[in-house]
Protein backbone atom coordinates (compact mmCIF):
# COMPACT_ATOMS: atom_id res chain seq x y z
CA MET A 1 -124.22 66.09 243.10
CA GLY A 2 -122.64 69.44 242.22
CA PRO A 3 -122.50 71.17 238.82
CA THR A 4 -120.12 69.75 236.23
CA GLU A 5 -118.33 71.26 233.26
CA PHE A 6 -120.55 73.23 230.87
CA SER A 7 -121.26 71.46 227.56
CA PRO A 8 -122.72 73.73 224.83
CA GLY A 9 -125.82 72.12 223.36
CA LEU A 10 -125.51 69.39 226.03
CA GLU A 11 -123.16 67.60 223.63
CA GLY A 12 -121.90 64.39 225.18
CA VAL A 13 -124.19 64.72 228.20
CA VAL A 14 -126.19 61.56 228.93
CA ALA A 15 -129.74 62.66 229.72
CA ALA A 16 -131.72 59.42 229.36
CA LYS A 17 -131.56 55.67 229.14
CA THR A 18 -133.62 54.35 226.23
CA ALA A 19 -134.45 51.18 224.34
CA VAL A 20 -136.46 53.02 221.65
CA SER A 21 -133.60 53.68 219.23
CA GLU A 22 -129.84 54.13 219.13
CA VAL A 23 -127.82 56.37 216.84
CA ASP A 24 -124.40 54.74 216.51
CA GLY A 25 -122.57 57.72 215.05
CA ALA A 26 -119.11 56.18 214.95
CA ASN A 27 -120.25 53.24 212.82
CA GLY A 28 -123.03 54.97 210.89
CA ARG A 29 -125.82 52.77 212.23
CA LEU A 30 -129.40 53.49 213.25
CA ILE A 31 -130.84 50.77 215.49
CA TYR A 32 -134.56 50.60 216.23
CA ARG A 33 -136.15 48.92 219.22
CA GLY A 34 -135.52 45.19 219.37
CA GLY A 35 -132.08 45.55 217.79
CA TYR A 36 -133.26 46.11 214.20
CA LEU A 37 -130.87 47.94 211.87
CA ILE A 38 -132.75 50.49 209.78
CA GLU A 39 -131.55 48.98 206.48
CA ASP A 40 -133.04 45.62 207.51
CA LEU A 41 -136.31 47.07 208.79
CA VAL A 42 -137.26 49.27 205.82
CA PRO A 43 -137.73 46.42 203.29
CA ALA A 44 -139.59 44.26 205.82
CA ALA A 45 -141.95 46.55 207.74
CA GLY A 46 -144.32 49.39 206.92
CA TYR A 47 -144.95 52.45 209.07
CA GLU A 48 -147.79 50.95 211.11
CA GLU A 49 -145.60 47.94 211.98
CA THR A 50 -142.71 50.23 212.86
CA ALA A 51 -144.89 52.35 215.13
CA TYR A 52 -146.09 49.18 216.88
CA LEU A 53 -142.46 48.13 217.32
CA LEU A 54 -141.50 51.44 218.91
CA TRP A 55 -144.50 51.35 221.27
CA HIS A 56 -144.43 47.66 222.25
CA GLY A 57 -140.86 46.49 221.67
CA ASP A 58 -141.77 43.75 219.17
CA LEU A 59 -142.98 43.67 215.59
CA PRO A 60 -146.67 42.75 215.40
CA ASP A 61 -148.00 39.48 214.08
CA LYS A 62 -150.84 39.60 211.56
CA SER A 63 -153.66 39.75 214.12
CA GLN A 64 -151.88 42.47 216.12
CA LEU A 65 -151.24 44.49 212.97
CA ASP A 66 -154.87 44.16 211.88
CA ALA A 67 -156.00 45.31 215.32
CA LEU A 68 -153.67 48.32 215.20
CA ARG A 69 -154.89 49.30 211.75
CA GLY A 70 -158.46 49.08 213.02
CA GLU A 71 -157.63 51.38 215.93
CA MET A 72 -155.98 53.86 213.59
CA VAL A 73 -158.96 53.87 211.22
CA GLY A 74 -161.19 54.76 214.16
CA ALA A 75 -158.98 57.70 215.16
CA ARG A 76 -158.27 59.35 211.80
CA ARG A 77 -161.09 61.83 211.59
CA LEU A 78 -161.01 65.32 213.05
CA ASN A 79 -163.41 66.08 215.85
CA GLU A 80 -165.64 69.15 215.64
CA SER A 81 -163.28 71.36 217.61
CA ALA A 82 -160.30 70.49 215.43
CA ARG A 83 -162.28 70.91 212.23
CA ARG A 84 -163.49 74.37 213.23
CA THR A 85 -159.96 75.31 214.21
CA LEU A 86 -158.58 74.20 210.85
CA GLU A 87 -161.28 76.11 208.98
CA SER A 88 -160.58 79.26 210.99
CA LEU A 89 -156.89 79.40 209.98
CA GLY A 90 -155.90 81.50 207.01
CA SER A 91 -154.40 79.92 203.90
CA ASP A 92 -151.15 81.80 204.50
CA VAL A 93 -150.52 80.30 207.95
CA ASP A 94 -147.34 78.23 208.23
CA PRO A 95 -148.22 74.51 207.84
CA MET A 96 -146.39 73.61 211.07
CA ASP A 97 -148.43 76.22 212.92
CA MET A 98 -151.58 74.67 211.47
CA LEU A 99 -150.42 71.22 212.59
CA ARG A 100 -149.55 72.38 216.10
CA THR A 101 -152.81 74.31 216.56
CA VAL A 102 -155.20 71.74 215.10
CA LEU A 103 -153.57 68.84 216.93
CA SER A 104 -153.91 70.76 220.18
CA ALA A 105 -157.62 71.27 219.47
CA GLN A 106 -158.06 67.61 218.51
CA ALA A 107 -156.53 66.41 221.77
CA ALA A 108 -158.00 69.03 224.13
CA SER A 109 -159.36 67.37 227.27
CA LYS A 110 -161.09 68.39 230.48
CA THR A 111 -158.83 66.19 232.58
CA LEU A 112 -155.10 65.47 232.81
CA THR A 113 -154.55 61.86 231.78
CA LYS A 114 -151.47 59.66 231.99
CA PRO A 115 -149.92 58.94 228.56
CA SER A 116 -151.01 55.60 227.12
CA ILE A 117 -150.55 53.50 223.99
CA PRO A 118 -154.17 54.03 222.81
CA GLU A 119 -153.58 57.79 222.97
CA ALA A 120 -150.29 57.38 221.09
CA VAL A 121 -152.15 55.44 218.41
CA ALA A 122 -154.84 58.13 218.16
CA LEU A 123 -152.34 60.99 217.85
CA THR A 124 -150.32 59.11 215.23
CA ALA A 125 -153.44 58.18 213.26
CA VAL A 126 -154.79 61.73 213.02
CA MET A 127 -151.53 63.40 211.96
CA PRO A 128 -151.95 62.68 208.21
CA THR A 129 -155.49 64.06 208.33
CA ILE A 130 -154.27 67.32 209.84
CA VAL A 131 -151.27 67.60 207.52
CA ALA A 132 -153.37 66.94 204.44
CA GLY A 133 -155.99 69.36 205.73
CA ALA A 134 -153.33 72.04 206.21
CA TYR A 135 -152.11 71.47 202.66
CA ARG A 136 -155.64 71.73 201.25
CA ARG A 137 -156.29 74.92 203.24
CA ARG A 138 -153.15 76.48 201.76
CA GLN A 139 -154.41 75.50 198.32
CA ARG A 140 -157.81 77.03 199.17
CA ARG A 141 -159.44 73.68 198.45
CA ASP A 142 -161.95 71.64 200.44
CA VAL A 143 -160.60 69.20 203.01
CA ILE A 144 -160.89 65.52 202.00
CA GLU A 145 -161.96 62.80 204.44
CA PRO A 146 -159.76 59.72 205.04
CA ARG A 147 -160.75 56.34 203.61
CA ASP A 148 -160.98 53.32 205.89
CA GLU A 149 -159.54 50.87 203.37
CA LEU A 150 -156.33 52.82 202.77
CA GLY A 151 -153.17 52.50 204.83
CA HIS A 152 -151.39 55.30 206.65
CA ALA A 153 -149.19 56.56 203.80
CA ALA A 154 -151.81 55.96 201.11
CA ASN A 155 -154.40 57.96 203.05
CA LEU A 156 -152.08 60.92 203.40
CA LEU A 157 -151.54 61.06 199.63
CA TRP A 158 -155.26 60.56 198.97
CA MET A 159 -156.27 63.37 201.34
CA MET A 160 -153.72 65.74 199.82
CA ASP A 161 -154.51 65.10 196.15
CA GLY A 162 -158.00 63.63 196.04
CA LYS A 163 -156.63 61.06 193.58
CA GLU A 164 -155.95 57.35 193.88
CA PRO A 165 -152.24 57.23 194.84
CA ALA A 166 -149.91 55.17 192.65
CA THR A 167 -148.32 52.14 194.31
CA GLU A 168 -144.77 53.47 193.93
CA ARG A 169 -145.67 56.80 195.55
CA ILE A 170 -147.15 54.94 198.53
CA HIS A 171 -143.96 52.88 198.78
CA TRP A 172 -141.66 55.92 198.73
CA LEU A 173 -143.67 57.77 201.33
CA ASP A 174 -144.10 54.74 203.58
CA SER A 175 -140.35 54.06 203.46
CA TYR A 176 -139.64 57.68 204.34
CA LEU A 177 -142.00 57.44 207.32
CA VAL A 178 -140.22 54.31 208.58
CA LEU A 179 -136.79 55.92 208.18
CA LEU A 180 -137.70 59.05 210.16
CA ALA A 181 -139.86 57.42 212.85
CA ASP A 182 -137.22 57.79 215.54
CA HIS A 183 -133.64 58.95 215.92
CA GLY A 184 -132.31 58.90 219.45
CA LEU A 185 -132.42 61.91 221.73
CA ASN A 186 -132.73 64.63 219.09
CA ALA A 187 -134.02 68.11 219.96
CA SER A 188 -137.74 67.44 219.47
CA THR A 189 -137.63 64.06 221.22
CA PHE A 190 -135.73 65.59 224.14
CA THR A 191 -138.38 68.33 224.28
CA ALA A 192 -141.11 65.70 224.49
CA ARG A 193 -139.28 63.89 227.30
CA VAL A 194 -138.72 67.13 229.24
CA ILE A 195 -142.46 67.88 229.08
CA ALA A 196 -143.27 64.29 230.02
CA SER A 197 -140.99 64.55 233.06
CA THR A 198 -143.33 67.17 234.54
CA GLY A 199 -146.22 64.71 234.50
CA SER A 200 -147.98 66.45 231.63
CA ASP A 201 -150.25 64.73 229.10
CA LEU A 202 -149.12 63.04 225.88
CA ALA A 203 -150.67 65.61 223.54
CA SER A 204 -148.76 68.42 225.27
CA CYS A 205 -145.55 66.46 224.81
CA VAL A 206 -146.25 66.07 221.08
CA VAL A 207 -147.28 69.70 220.62
CA GLY A 208 -144.04 70.78 222.31
CA ALA A 209 -142.05 68.44 220.08
CA ILE A 210 -143.70 69.96 217.00
CA GLY A 211 -142.56 73.37 218.18
CA ALA A 212 -138.97 72.13 218.45
CA LEU A 213 -139.12 70.36 215.09
CA LYS A 214 -140.29 73.53 213.34
CA GLY A 215 -136.88 75.15 213.73
CA PRO A 216 -134.73 75.36 210.58
CA ALA A 217 -131.80 73.68 212.35
CA HIS A 218 -133.94 70.58 213.02
CA GLY A 219 -137.02 69.71 210.97
CA GLY A 220 -136.57 72.56 208.51
CA ALA A 221 -133.35 71.16 207.08
CA THR A 222 -135.11 69.07 204.41
CA TYR A 223 -136.86 72.19 203.09
CA ALA A 224 -133.50 73.99 203.04
CA ALA A 225 -131.86 71.16 201.09
CA ARG A 226 -134.61 71.25 198.46
CA THR A 227 -134.36 75.03 198.23
CA MET A 228 -130.63 74.69 197.59
CA LEU A 229 -131.28 72.19 194.78
CA ASP A 230 -133.88 74.58 193.34
CA SER A 231 -131.28 77.36 193.30
CA ILE A 232 -128.65 75.14 191.68
CA GLY A 233 -131.13 74.04 189.03
CA SER A 234 -128.91 71.86 186.85
CA VAL A 235 -125.86 69.60 186.86
CA GLU A 236 -123.93 72.21 184.88
CA ASN A 237 -124.56 74.92 187.46
CA ALA A 238 -123.67 72.90 190.57
CA ASP A 239 -119.91 73.52 190.70
CA ALA A 240 -120.08 77.29 190.33
CA TRP A 241 -123.06 77.66 192.67
CA LEU A 242 -121.51 75.61 195.45
CA ARG A 243 -118.08 77.21 195.22
CA ASP A 244 -119.62 80.67 195.28
CA ALA A 245 -121.79 79.75 198.28
CA HIS A 246 -118.80 78.30 200.11
CA ALA A 247 -116.75 81.42 199.42
CA LYS A 248 -119.53 83.40 201.11
CA HIS A 249 -119.34 81.04 204.13
CA ALA A 250 -122.82 79.67 203.46
CA ARG A 251 -123.76 76.27 204.86
CA PHE A 252 -124.72 73.38 202.58
CA PRO A 253 -128.06 72.02 203.87
CA GLY A 254 -128.09 68.22 204.01
CA PHE A 255 -124.42 67.80 204.90
CA GLY A 256 -122.88 67.10 208.28
CA HIS A 257 -124.53 65.71 211.40
CA ARG A 258 -124.19 66.22 215.12
CA VAL A 259 -123.85 62.47 215.79
CA TYR A 260 -122.95 60.59 212.60
CA ARG A 261 -119.24 60.52 211.80
CA THR A 262 -119.96 58.65 208.56
CA TYR A 263 -122.62 58.68 205.82
CA ASP A 264 -126.11 58.71 207.35
CA PRO A 265 -127.54 55.17 206.87
CA ARG A 266 -130.97 56.64 206.12
CA ALA A 267 -129.47 58.81 203.38
CA LYS A 268 -128.00 55.70 201.71
CA ILE A 269 -131.46 54.14 201.44
CA LEU A 270 -133.10 57.34 200.22
CA ARG A 271 -130.33 57.98 197.68
CA GLU A 272 -131.07 54.67 195.99
CA MET A 273 -134.82 55.30 196.15
CA ALA A 274 -134.38 58.75 194.61
CA LYS A 275 -133.15 57.19 191.36
CA THR A 276 -136.69 56.07 190.57
CA ALA A 277 -138.64 58.63 192.62
CA ASP A 278 -137.25 61.57 190.60
CA PRO A 279 -134.53 60.57 188.09
CA LYS A 280 -133.92 64.10 186.81
CA LEU A 281 -133.60 65.65 190.26
CA HIS A 282 -131.47 62.67 191.32
CA GLN A 283 -128.90 63.57 188.67
CA VAL A 284 -128.66 67.14 189.92
CA ALA A 285 -128.54 65.98 193.54
CA ALA A 286 -125.90 63.31 192.92
CA HIS A 287 -123.54 65.79 191.25
CA THR A 288 -124.30 68.38 193.93
CA GLU A 289 -123.41 65.83 196.60
CA GLU A 290 -120.14 64.90 194.88
CA VAL A 291 -119.01 68.53 194.54
CA ALA A 292 -120.22 69.58 198.01
CA LEU A 293 -118.40 66.74 199.75
CA LYS A 294 -115.16 67.58 197.92
CA ILE A 295 -115.41 71.26 198.83
CA LEU A 296 -116.12 70.46 202.46
CA HIS A 297 -113.32 67.90 202.68
CA ASP A 298 -110.77 70.17 201.04
CA ALA A 299 -111.67 73.02 203.39
CA HIS A 300 -111.78 70.94 206.58
CA PRO A 301 -110.34 67.43 206.11
CA GLU A 302 -110.48 66.93 209.89
CA ARG A 303 -114.27 67.27 209.99
CA PRO A 304 -116.75 64.49 209.12
CA ASN A 305 -119.08 66.21 206.65
CA ALA A 306 -120.93 63.27 205.14
CA THR A 307 -124.40 63.52 203.61
CA ASN A 308 -127.32 63.36 206.05
CA VAL A 309 -130.92 62.23 205.69
CA ASP A 310 -132.32 65.67 204.83
CA PHE A 311 -130.51 65.93 201.51
CA TRP A 312 -131.89 62.79 199.89
CA ALA A 313 -135.23 62.99 201.71
CA SER A 314 -135.83 66.24 199.84
CA VAL A 315 -135.49 64.39 196.52
CA VAL A 316 -137.65 61.41 197.47
CA LEU A 317 -140.43 63.58 198.90
CA THR A 318 -140.36 65.68 195.72
CA GLY A 319 -140.72 62.51 193.66
CA THR A 320 -143.61 61.48 195.86
CA GLY A 321 -145.37 64.66 194.77
CA ILE A 322 -145.19 66.58 198.04
CA SER A 323 -144.38 70.31 197.92
CA LYS A 324 -141.39 71.44 199.92
CA GLU A 325 -143.53 73.71 202.12
CA MET A 326 -144.99 70.52 203.63
CA PHE A 327 -141.70 68.68 204.22
CA THR A 328 -141.43 69.51 207.93
CA CYS A 329 -145.03 68.40 208.48
CA LEU A 330 -144.16 65.09 206.85
CA PHE A 331 -141.23 64.79 209.22
CA ALA A 332 -143.61 65.31 212.16
CA THR A 333 -146.05 62.75 210.71
CA SER A 334 -143.27 60.18 210.87
CA ARG A 335 -141.59 61.18 214.14
CA VAL A 336 -144.78 61.22 216.22
CA ALA A 337 -144.39 57.44 216.68
CA GLY A 338 -140.95 57.97 218.18
CA TRP A 339 -142.00 60.95 220.29
CA THR A 340 -144.86 59.03 221.85
CA ALA A 341 -142.71 55.91 222.36
CA HIS A 342 -140.14 57.98 224.26
CA VAL A 343 -142.81 59.57 226.43
CA LEU A 344 -144.28 56.16 227.27
CA GLU A 345 -140.80 54.92 228.13
CA ALA A 346 -140.16 57.97 230.34
CA MET A 347 -143.30 57.14 232.35
CA GLU A 348 -141.57 54.01 233.67
CA ASP A 349 -139.21 56.09 235.82
CA LEU A 350 -140.65 59.60 236.01
CA ARG A 351 -138.21 62.20 237.30
CA ILE A 352 -138.44 65.85 236.37
CA ILE A 353 -135.61 66.94 234.08
CA ARG A 354 -133.82 69.85 235.75
CA PRO A 355 -130.26 70.42 234.48
CA ALA A 356 -127.89 72.79 236.24
CA SER A 357 -126.66 76.07 234.82
CA VAL A 358 -123.45 78.06 235.26
CA TRP A 359 -123.92 81.60 236.61
CA ILE A 360 -122.04 84.17 234.48
CA GLY A 361 -123.57 87.31 235.98
CA PRO A 362 -121.93 89.79 238.38
CA GLN A 363 -121.24 89.00 242.02
CA PRO A 364 -124.28 89.49 244.28
CA GLY A 365 -124.68 92.57 246.41
CA GLN A 366 -125.92 95.13 243.90
CA LYS A 367 -128.40 97.55 245.50
CA PRO A 368 -131.38 98.58 243.32
CA LEU A 369 -131.77 102.33 242.93
CA PRO A 370 -135.15 104.06 242.89
CA ALA A 371 -136.61 104.51 239.41
CA ASP A 372 -135.91 108.26 239.29
CA LYS A 373 -132.19 107.70 239.99
CA ARG A 374 -131.41 104.90 237.54
């Protein structure tokens, strides 16, 4: 098979067959494994159930869910190598760098092992411990151990704050984790699948995915959306701020999407949740959204510039009490279930991913000159 037409960003290129999730951009739908629409899944299943669904293809019954929770409890704590690594990092280190480095230490092995569901469970279970530890290190405070009786989202809040988390905060965070658990063949998931295609181990796939997620055009977009809302500050300031930013050709973080041609279905759920998570910030965000969409539509009516998940996620995470510097780590804490599910799926038909490239250099035949004549 010869090379085909170049597609910048691989847009429109089919690179995998998957049953993990489907992003139906034309109709604004996100479908999780088993055919579940995201708006139906969020009210019915927590993050642990959703992770099980992505790994196994079915939602767990009570005994299966209890067994999964037991496995996760047993895998939450940092081993000695990871703990020493976390303690050696300075408080000014980027949280995503802390996450990447400590997770690598946690999963370091003497042998190359084939990715498995138990390993996926272990990596998913320890992510909140590392993220909370990174947050505490940045605060120059002692790391807090996880509690066996708390669920995934509740433990993350407990380990960050050292306080009993309120029920509504647990609900907001758990819903966020479900919403972001997987999203088709995005950049970080594709990175994980590329690494998997070489026959590498699951931890390496996840560490690579974290590196891809760190970029501001991917996982950093929620931070950027919150920073924009910080700059706007109030409902009264939104119009002038946005019009000035647009005049300077600045992008509006949280608007537009590579796949969705309509309003992001995850953003719809988070927008409603934001009303109670942070009512004051919701007012600013709602007016910002209204003005931003009008500006974008007036400038380019031919482009679909609907709100995406990052915009309203920034409000809900703020209401949950999480600082914006940790937003991308929270994204990774959610998406690890999807990353590992995709890697496990890729193992079923392992073939190294090796796309073609188009040569744009000069014609061959150039003769290298000696160094003293160049």
